[in-house]
Amino acid sequence: MAVQSINTKVDLVVDATSFMGTAKYGKIMIGDKGFEFFNDRNKRDFIQIPWAELDYVLASVMFKGRWIPRFAMRTKHNGTYTFSAKKTKALLRGIREYVDPSHMVRSLSFFDVIKRSIGRLFNWIGRRGKKL
């Protein structure tokens, strides 16, 4: 059984890794109808996300934008898919052609997550001290 692409025109094809369960190596295809990931080893293992279904693109940005190790695609109904690619910047620029740039955001860094959790801890301690 051959997998049918949802795209009629392909803009970019990049080697990539999908982090759904175990790491799967394959290719990401950006086209006029959506985002597609095809596994190199198992042709029946693929991910297709139409542009209308895509809600947010979250990028993990490090070293002031010099390195983007991974990114995630949050859909409206089916959850979040995480990927890394060899040419992540070019891939995200290609996605920006079809997705509103306000829906492409940076994910929180490690230190932002720690800072947020410490702030929540102090807020929780402060609320416990007050009488209701």
Protein backbone atom coordinates (compact mmCIF):
# COMPACT_ATOMS: atom_id res chain seq x y z
CA MET A 1 0.00 0.00 0.00
CA ALA A 2 1.51 3.33 -1.06
CA VAL A 3 1.01 6.43 1.02
CA GLN A 4 -0.74 9.26 -0.79
CA SER A 5 0.66 12.74 -0.17
CA ILE A 6 -1.79 15.51 0.70
CA ASN A 7 0.37 18.10 -1.10
CA THR A 8 0.04 18.94 -4.78
CA LYS A 9 3.17 21.16 -4.77
CA VAL A 10 6.26 20.51 -2.63
CA ASP A 11 8.28 23.47 -1.34
CA LEU A 12 10.90 21.77 0.84
CA VAL A 13 12.05 18.26 1.81
CA VAL A 14 14.40 17.87 4.82
CA ASP A 15 15.87 14.91 6.73
CA ALA A 16 14.24 14.82 10.16
CA THR A 17 13.48 12.87 13.33
CA SER A 18 10.04 12.36 14.84
CA PHE A 19 9.83 12.03 18.62
CA MET A 20 6.47 10.27 18.82
CA GLY A 21 7.32 7.38 21.13
CA THR A 22 10.75 6.20 20.05
CA ALA A 23 12.82 8.33 17.67
CA LYS A 24 11.92 7.68 14.05
CA TYR A 25 14.10 8.90 11.20
CA GLY A 26 12.61 10.10 7.97
CA LYS A 27 11.83 13.10 5.82
CA ILE A 28 9.65 16.16 6.40
CA MET A 29 7.84 17.57 3.41
CA ILE A 30 6.39 21.09 3.35
CA GLY A 31 3.85 21.75 0.61
CA ASP A 32 0.83 23.76 -0.37
CA LYS A 33 -1.70 21.64 1.55
CA GLY A 34 0.18 20.70 4.74
CA PHE A 35 3.08 19.31 6.73
CA GLU A 36 4.10 15.66 6.24
CA PHE A 37 6.58 13.32 7.90
CA PHE A 38 7.43 10.00 6.26
CA ASN A 39 9.43 7.30 8.07
CA ASP A 40 12.41 5.97 6.10
CA ARG A 41 12.07 2.37 7.30
CA ASN A 42 8.31 1.87 7.50
CA LYS A 43 6.43 3.54 4.66
CA ARG A 44 3.10 3.05 6.46
CA ASP A 45 4.37 5.11 9.42
CA PHE A 46 3.67 8.73 8.50
CA ILE A 47 2.22 11.96 9.94
CA GLN A 48 0.16 14.34 7.82
CA ILE A 49 -1.02 17.67 9.25
CA PRO A 50 -3.10 19.94 6.99
CA TRP A 51 -2.44 23.67 7.46
CA ALA A 52 -6.06 24.21 8.57
CA GLU A 53 -5.57 21.68 11.41
CA LEU A 54 -2.35 23.29 12.70
CA ASP A 55 -2.83 25.52 15.75
CA TYR A 56 0.70 26.49 16.92
CA VAL A 57 4.32 25.83 16.03
CA LEU A 58 6.56 25.85 19.10
CA ALA A 59 10.32 26.19 18.58
CA SER A 60 13.02 25.51 21.14
CA VAL A 61 15.44 28.38 20.48
CA MET A 62 18.93 28.39 21.99
CA PHE A 63 21.94 30.71 21.84
CA LYS A 64 19.87 33.73 20.74
CA GLY A 65 18.47 31.95 17.70
CA ARG A 66 21.69 30.40 16.43
CA TRP A 67 20.50 26.87 17.16
CA ILE A 68 16.99 25.40 17.11
CA PRO A 69 17.34 21.78 18.25
CA ARG A 70 13.67 20.82 17.97
CA PHE A 71 10.21 22.12 17.31
CA ALA A 72 6.67 20.97 18.00
CA MET A 73 3.46 21.19 16.00
CA ARG A 74 0.33 21.62 18.14
CA THR A 75 -2.84 20.67 16.30
CA LYS A 76 -6.40 21.71 17.06
CA HIS A 77 -7.67 18.19 17.75
CA ASN A 78 -4.88 15.57 17.78
CA GLY A 79 -2.29 16.87 20.25
CA THR A 80 1.35 17.86 19.85
CA TYR A 81 3.97 16.31 17.57
CA THR A 82 7.68 16.92 18.22
CA PHE A 83 10.37 16.89 15.53
CA SER A 84 13.98 17.85 14.88
CA ALA A 85 15.47 18.50 11.47
CA LYS A 86 18.83 19.04 9.83
CA LYS A 87 17.80 22.43 8.43
CA THR A 88 15.38 23.62 11.10
CA LYS A 89 15.61 27.32 10.26
CA ALA A 90 14.83 26.74 6.58
CA LEU A 91 11.99 24.43 7.57
CA LEU A 92 10.43 26.99 9.93
CA ARG A 93 10.75 29.68 7.25
CA GLY A 94 8.88 27.38 4.88
CA ILE A 95 6.16 26.77 7.46
CA ARG A 96 5.86 30.54 8.00
CA GLU A 97 4.65 30.87 4.40
CA TYR A 98 1.48 28.94 5.31
CA VAL A 99 1.03 29.61 9.05
CA ASP A 100 0.33 33.00 10.62
CA PRO A 101 3.61 34.19 12.25
CA SER A 102 1.69 34.99 15.46
CA HIS A 103 1.06 31.22 15.77
CA MET A 104 4.79 30.47 15.67
CA VAL A 105 6.17 30.91 19.19
CA ARG A 106 9.26 30.10 21.23
CA SER A 107 8.90 27.38 23.82
CA LEU A 108 10.05 28.05 27.36
CA SER A 109 13.74 27.49 28.08
CA PHE A 110 14.94 25.32 30.94
CA PHE A 111 15.57 28.37 33.13
CA ASP A 112 12.15 29.86 32.32
CA VAL A 113 10.50 26.63 33.48
CA ILE A 114 12.50 26.66 36.75
CA LYS A 115 11.74 30.36 37.33
CA ARG A 116 8.01 29.80 36.74
CA SER A 117 7.87 26.79 39.08
CA ILE A 118 9.67 28.68 41.87
CA GLY A 119 7.26 31.60 41.48
CA ARG A 120 4.28 29.24 41.69
CA LEU A 121 5.76 27.58 44.77
CA PHE A 122 6.07 30.93 46.56
CA ASN A 123 2.52 31.90 45.54
CA TRP A 124 1.24 28.59 46.91
CA ILE A 125 3.11 29.11 50.20
CA GLY A 126 1.76 32.68 50.42
CA ARG A 127 -1.83 31.51 49.96
CA ARG A 128 -1.53 28.82 52.61
CA GLY A 129 -0.54 31.44 55.20
CA LYS A 130 -3.74 33.48 54.70
CA LYS A 131 -6.99 32.58 56.40
CA LEU A 132 -9.98 32.06 54.18
